[in-house]
């Protein structure tokens, strides 16, 4: 019976490690998406600033 408990404990730890890895992957994906949105927003802001200057000063 001790071997069964040892195996059950090992399986439990492996399952916890798998879940932690999945959680970390999901967190990383969310961070990448947020950074991508931030980069896109900053690029849009730069483009809008350039376009506004050209419209105000059409030389």
PDB file of N, CA and C in Angstrom:
ATOM      1  N   UNK A   1       0.813  -1.191   0.000  1.00  0.00           N
ATOM      2  CA  UNK A   1       0.000   0.000   0.000  1.00  0.00           C
ATOM      3  C   UNK A   1       0.863   1.265   0.000  1.00  0.00           C
ATOM      4  N   UNK A   2       2.044   1.194   0.589  1.00  0.00           N
ATOM      5  CA  UNK A   2       2.931   2.353   0.633  1.00  0.00           C
ATOM      6  C   UNK A   2       3.355   2.771  -0.769  1.00  0.00           C
ATOM      7  N   UNK A   3       3.624   1.785  -1.644  1.00  0.00           N
ATOM      8  CA  UNK A   3       4.004   2.101  -3.021  1.00  0.00           C
ATOM      9  C   UNK A   3       2.883   2.838  -3.745  1.00  0.00           C
ATOM     10  N   UNK A   4       1.667   2.411  -3.489  1.00  0.00           N
ATOM     11  CA  UNK A   4       0.513   3.067  -4.126  1.00  0.00           C
ATOM     12  C   UNK A   4       0.438   4.525  -3.690  1.00  0.00           C
ATOM     13  N   UNK A   5       0.620   4.760  -2.410  1.00  0.00           N
ATOM     14  CA  UNK A   5       0.580   6.140  -1.914  1.00  0.00           C
ATOM     15  C   UNK A   5       1.720   6.964  -2.490  1.00  0.00           C
ATOM     16  N   UNK A   6       2.890   6.359  -2.586  1.00  0.00           N
ATOM     17  CA  UNK A   6       4.039   7.066  -3.155  1.00  0.00           C
ATOM     18  C   UNK A   6       3.759   7.459  -4.606  1.00  0.00           C
ATOM     19  N   UNK A   7       3.206   6.498  -5.370  1.00  0.00           N
ATOM     20  CA  UNK A   7       2.866   6.787  -6.764  1.00  0.00           C
ATOM     21  C   UNK A   7       1.774   7.843  -6.857  1.00  0.00           C
ATOM     22  N   UNK A   8       0.783   7.752  -5.992  1.00  0.00           N
ATOM     23  CA  UNK A   8      -0.290   8.750  -6.006  1.00  0.00           C
ATOM     24  C   UNK A   8       0.249  10.140  -5.695  1.00  0.00           C
ATOM     25  N   UNK A   9       1.167  10.216  -4.756  1.00  0.00           N
ATOM     26  CA  UNK A   9       1.774  11.508  -4.418  1.00  0.00           C
ATOM     27  C   UNK A   9       2.591  12.041  -5.590  1.00  0.00           C
ATOM     28  N   UNK A  10       3.336  11.171  -6.231  1.00  0.00           N
ATOM     29  CA  UNK A  10       4.141  11.585  -7.376  1.00  0.00           C
ATOM     30  C   UNK A  10       3.247  12.064  -8.518  1.00  0.00           C
ATOM     31  N   UNK A  11       2.168  11.347  -8.745  1.00  0.00           N
ATOM     32  CA  UNK A  11       1.222  11.750  -9.798  1.00  0.00           C
ATOM     33  C   UNK A  11       0.592  13.096  -9.449  1.00  0.00           C
ATOM     34  N   UNK A  12       0.261  13.283  -8.207  1.00  0.00           N
ATOM     35  CA  UNK A  12      -0.317  14.561  -7.766  1.00  0.00           C
ATOM     36  C   UNK A  12       0.642  15.715  -7.977  1.00  0.00           C
ATOM     37  N   UNK A  13       1.903  15.502  -7.635  1.00  0.00           N
ATOM     38  CA  UNK A  13       2.909  16.554  -7.832  1.00  0.00           C
ATOM     39  C   UNK A  13       3.115  16.842  -9.309  1.00  0.00           C
ATOM     40  N   UNK A  14       3.134  15.795 -10.124  1.00  0.00           N
ATOM     41  CA  UNK A  14       3.302  15.988 -11.570  1.00  0.00           C
ATOM     42  C   UNK A  14       2.122  16.761 -12.152  1.00  0.00           C
ATOM     43  N   UNK A  15       0.942  16.456 -11.689  1.00  0.00           N
ATOM     44  CA  UNK A  15      -0.255  17.170 -12.156  1.00  0.00           C
ATOM     45  C   UNK A  15      -0.215  18.641 -11.745  1.00  0.00           C
ATOM     46  N   UNK A  16       0.237  18.903 -10.532  1.00  0.00           N
ATOM     47  CA  UNK A  16       0.375  20.290 -10.080  1.00  0.00           C
ATOM     48  C   UNK A  16       1.413  21.039 -10.915  1.00  0.00           C
ATOM     49  N   UNK A  17       2.517  20.377 -11.230  1.00  0.00           N
ATOM     50  CA  UNK A  17       3.558  20.996 -12.052  1.00  0.00           C
ATOM     51  C   UNK A  17       3.035  21.281 -13.462  1.00  0.00           C
ATOM     52  N   UNK A  18       2.246  20.349 -14.007  1.00  0.00           N
ATOM     53  CA  UNK A  18       1.673  20.551 -15.332  1.00  0.00           C
ATOM     54  C   UNK A  18       0.727  21.749 -15.320  1.00  0.00           C
ATOM     55  N   UNK A  19      -0.082  21.864 -14.288  1.00  0.00           N
ATOM     56  CA  UNK A  19      -1.012  22.988 -14.187  1.00  0.00           C
ATOM     57  C   UNK A  19      -0.255  24.302 -14.025  1.00  0.00           C
ATOM     58  N   UNK A  20       0.806  24.299 -13.242  1.00  0.00           N
ATOM     59  CA  UNK A  20       1.612  25.513 -13.072  1.00  0.00           C
ATOM     60  C   UNK A  20       2.241  25.931 -14.399  1.00  0.00           C
ATOM     61  N   UNK A  21       2.708  24.977 -15.181  1.00  0.00           N
ATOM     62  CA  UNK A  21       3.292  25.289 -16.483  1.00  0.00           C
ATOM     63  C   UNK A  21       2.236  25.860 -17.429  1.00  0.00           C
ATOM     64  N   UNK A  22       1.049  25.285 -17.398  1.00  0.00           N
ATOM     65  CA  UNK A  22      -0.047  25.795 -18.226  1.00  0.00           C
ATOM     66  C   UNK A  22      -0.399  27.223 -17.822  1.00  0.00           C
ATOM     67  N   UNK A  23      -0.482  27.468 -16.533  1.00  0.00           N
ATOM     68  CA  UNK A  23      -0.782  28.816 -16.045  1.00  0.00           C
ATOM     69  C   UNK A  23       0.291  29.809 -16.479  1.00  0.00           C
ATOM     70  N   UNK A  24       1.545  29.398 -16.405  1.00  0.00           N
ATOM     71  CA  UNK A  24       2.642  30.278 -16.811  1.00  0.00           C
ATOM     72  C   UNK A  24       2.572  30.579 -18.306  1.00  0.00           C
ATOM     73  N   UNK A  25       2.256  29.576 -19.111  1.00  0.00           N
ATOM     74  CA  UNK A  25       2.129  29.795 -20.551  1.00  0.00           C
ATOM     75  C   UNK A  25       0.996  30.768 -20.855  1.00  0.00           C
ATOM     76  N   UNK A  26      -0.122  30.633 -20.162  1.00  0.00           N
ATOM     77  CA  UNK A  26      -1.252  31.538 -20.376  1.00  0.00           C
ATOM     78  C   UNK A  26      -0.904  32.961 -19.951  1.00  0.00           C
ATOM     79  N   UNK A  27      -0.202  33.101 -18.853  1.00  0.00           N
ATOM     80  CA  UNK A  27       0.220  34.425 -18.394  1.00  0.00           C
ATOM     81  C   UNK A  27       1.162  35.061 -19.402  1.00  0.00           C
ATOM     82  N   UNK A  28       2.102  34.280 -19.920  1.00  0.00           N
ATOM     83  CA  UNK A  28       3.038  34.787 -20.915  1.00  0.00           C
ATOM     84  C   UNK A  28       2.298  35.243 -22.167  1.00  0.00           C
ATOM     85  N   UNK A  29       1.324  34.466 -22.612  1.00  0.00           N
ATOM     86  CA  UNK A  29       0.545  34.833 -23.797  1.00  0.00           C
ATOM     87  C   UNK A  29      -0.216  36.137 -23.564  1.00  0.00           C
ATOM     88  N   UNK A  30      -0.809  36.291 -22.380  1.00  0.00           N
ATOM     89  CA  UNK A  30      -1.534  37.535 -22.075  1.00  0.00           C
ATOM     90  C   UNK A  30      -0.585  38.726 -22.043  1.00  0.00           C
ATOM     91  N   UNK A  31       0.613  38.535 -21.494  1.00  0.00           N
ATOM     92  CA  UNK A  31       1.594  39.619 -21.450  1.00  0.00           C
ATOM     93  C   UNK A  31       2.027  40.012 -22.861  1.00  0.00           C
ATOM     94  N   UNK A  32       2.251  39.029 -23.723  1.00  0.00           N
ATOM     95  CA  UNK A  32       2.643  39.318 -25.101  1.00  0.00           C
ATOM     96  C   UNK A  32       1.546  40.075 -25.834  1.00  0.00           C
ATOM     97  N   UNK A  33       0.289  39.683 -25.609  1.00  0.00           N
ATOM     98  CA  UNK A  33      -0.827  40.387 -26.238  1.00  0.00           C
ATOM     99  C   UNK A  33      -0.905  41.832 -25.758  1.00  0.00           C
ATOM    100  N   UNK A  34      -0.712  42.036 -24.468  1.00  0.00           N
ATOM    101  CA  UNK A  34      -0.764  43.386 -23.913  1.00  0.00           C
ATOM    102  C   UNK A  34       0.360  44.238 -24.480  1.00  0.00           C
ATOM    103  N   UNK A  35       1.550  43.683 -24.578  1.00  0.00           N
ATOM    104  CA  UNK A  35       2.671  44.427 -25.147  1.00  0.00           C
ATOM    105  C   UNK A  35       2.420  44.747 -26.611  1.00  0.00           C
ATOM    106  N   UNK A  36       1.847  43.800 -27.332  1.00  0.00           N
ATOM    107  CA  UNK A  36       1.551  44.019 -28.740  1.00  0.00           C
ATOM    108  C   UNK A  36       0.533  45.146 -28.898  1.00  0.00           C
ATOM    109  N   UNK A  37      -0.502  45.145 -28.052  1.00  0.00           N
ATOM    110  CA  UNK A  37      -1.508  46.214 -28.119  1.00  0.00           C
ATOM    111  C   UNK A  37      -0.883  47.557 -27.766  1.00  0.00           C
ATOM    112  N   UNK A  38       0.006  47.568 -26.784  1.00  0.00           N
ATOM    113  CA  UNK A  38       0.672  48.809 -26.387  1.00  0.00           C
ATOM    114  C   UNK A  38       1.531  49.331 -27.536  1.00  0.00           C
ATOM    115  N   UNK A  39       2.298  48.441 -28.164  1.00  0.00           N
ATOM    116  CA  UNK A  39       3.126  48.842 -29.302  1.00  0.00           C
ATOM    117  C   UNK A  39       2.269  49.390 -30.432  1.00  0.00           C
ATOM    118  N   UNK A  40       1.157  48.734 -30.711  1.00  0.00           N
ATOM    119  CA  UNK A  40       0.269  49.182 -31.784  1.00  0.00           C
ATOM    120  C   UNK A  40      -0.330  50.540 -31.448  1.00  0.00           C
ATOM    121  N   UNK A  41      -0.710  50.734 -30.205  1.00  0.00           N
ATOM    122  CA  UNK A  41      -1.287  52.017 -29.791  1.00  0.00           C
ATOM    123  C   UNK A  41      -0.254  53.134 -29.896  1.00  0.00           C
ATOM    124  N   UNK A  42       0.973  52.845 -29.503  1.00  0.00           N
ATOM    125  CA  UNK A  42       2.022  53.856 -29.602  1.00  0.00           C
ATOM    126  C   UNK A  42       2.322  54.196 -31.056  1.00  0.00           C
ATOM    127  N   UNK A  43       2.340  53.197 -31.923  1.00  0.00           N
ATOM    128  CA  UNK A  43       2.570  53.442 -33.341  1.00  0.00           C
ATOM    129  C   UNK A  43       1.430  54.266 -33.931  1.00  0.00           C
ATOM    130  N   UNK A  44       0.210  53.956 -33.537  1.00  0.00           N
ATOM    131  CA  UNK A  44      -0.940  54.726 -34.015  1.00  0.00           C
ATOM    132  C   UNK A  44      -0.867  56.173 -33.526  1.00  0.00           C
ATOM    133  N   UNK A  45      -0.452  56.361 -32.288  1.00  0.00           N
ATOM    134  CA  UNK A  45      -0.301  57.719 -31.754  1.00  0.00           C
ATOM    135  C   UNK A  45       0.756  58.500 -32.528  1.00  0.00           C
ATOM    136  N   UNK A  46       1.883  57.846 -32.830  1.00  0.00           N
ATOM    137  CA  UNK A  46       2.938  58.518 -33.605  1.00  0.00           C
ATOM    138  C   UNK A  46       2.445  58.881 -35.003  1.00  0.00           C
ATOM    139  N   UNK A  47       1.738  57.956 -35.622  1.00  0.00           N
ATOM    140  CA  UNK A  47       1.201  58.208 -36.951  1.00  0.00           C
ATOM    141  C   UNK A  47       0.191  59.348 -36.920  1.00  0.00           C
ATOM    142  N   UNK A  48      -0.683  59.346 -35.926  1.00  0.00           N
ATOM    143  CA  UNK A  48      -1.682  60.410 -35.807  1.00  0.00           C
ATOM    144  C   UNK A  48      -1.013  61.757 -35.578  1.00  0.00           C
ATOM    145  N   UNK A  49       0.027  61.798 -34.775  1.00  0.00           N
ATOM    146  CA  UNK A  49       0.737  63.048 -34.518  1.00  0.00           C
ATOM    147  C   UNK A  49       1.383  63.566 -35.799  1.00  0.00           C
ATOM    148  N   UNK A  50       1.960  62.680 -36.573  1.00  0.00           N
ATOM    149  CA  UNK A  50       2.591  63.078 -37.832  1.00  0.00           C
ATOM    150  C   UNK A  50       1.542  63.577 -38.812  1.00  0.00           C
ATOM    151  N   UNK A  51       0.442  62.867 -38.921  1.00  0.00           N
ATOM    152  CA  UNK A  51      -0.608  63.235 -39.852  1.00  0.00           C
ATOM    153  C   UNK A  51      -1.213  64.579 -39.465  1.00  0.00           C
ATOM    154  N   UNK A  52      -1.429  64.815 -38.184  1.00  0.00           N
ATOM    155  CA  UNK A  52      -1.997  66.066 -37.705  1.00  0.00           C
ATOM    156  C   UNK A  52      -1.070  67.218 -38.037  1.00  0.00           C
ATOM    157  N   UNK A  53       0.222  67.048 -37.844  1.00  0.00           N
ATOM    158  CA  UNK A  53       1.177  68.097 -38.164  1.00  0.00           C
ATOM    159  C   UNK A  53       1.153  68.421 -39.655  1.00  0.00           C
ATOM    160  N   UNK A  54       1.051  67.426 -40.483  1.00  0.00           N
ATOM    161  CA  UNK A  54       1.004  67.651 -41.922  1.00  0.00           C
ATOM    162  C   UNK A  54      -0.265  68.384 -42.313  1.00  0.00           C
ATOM    163  N   UNK A  55      -1.355  68.052 -41.698  1.00  0.00           N
ATOM    164  CA  UNK A  55      -2.627  68.702 -41.996  1.00  0.00           C
ATOM    165  C   UNK A  55      -2.614  70.156 -41.566  1.00  0.00           C
ATOM    166  N   UNK A  56      -2.004  70.443 -40.432  1.00  0.00           N
ATOM    167  CA  UNK A  56      -1.958  71.802 -39.923  1.00  0.00           C
ATOM    168  C   UNK A  56      -0.962  72.658 -40.687  1.00  0.00           C
ATOM    169  N   UNK A  57       0.084  72.046 -41.215  1.00  0.00           N
ATOM    170  CA  UNK A  57       1.183  72.763 -41.855  1.00  0.00           C
ATOM    171  C   UNK A  57       1.433  72.157 -43.231  1.00  0.00           C
ATOM    172  N   UNK A  58       0.552  72.331 -44.200  1.00  0.00           N
ATOM    173  CA  UNK A  58       0.679  71.622 -45.482  1.00  0.00           C
ATOM    174  C   UNK A  58       1.727  72.219 -46.413  1.00  0.00           C
ATOM    175  N   UNK A  59       2.971  72.157 -46.033  1.00  0.00           N
ATOM    176  CA  UNK A  59       4.039  72.695 -46.883  1.00  0.00           C
ATOM    177  C   UNK A  59       4.738  71.631 -47.640  1.00  0.00           C
TER     178      UNK A  59
END
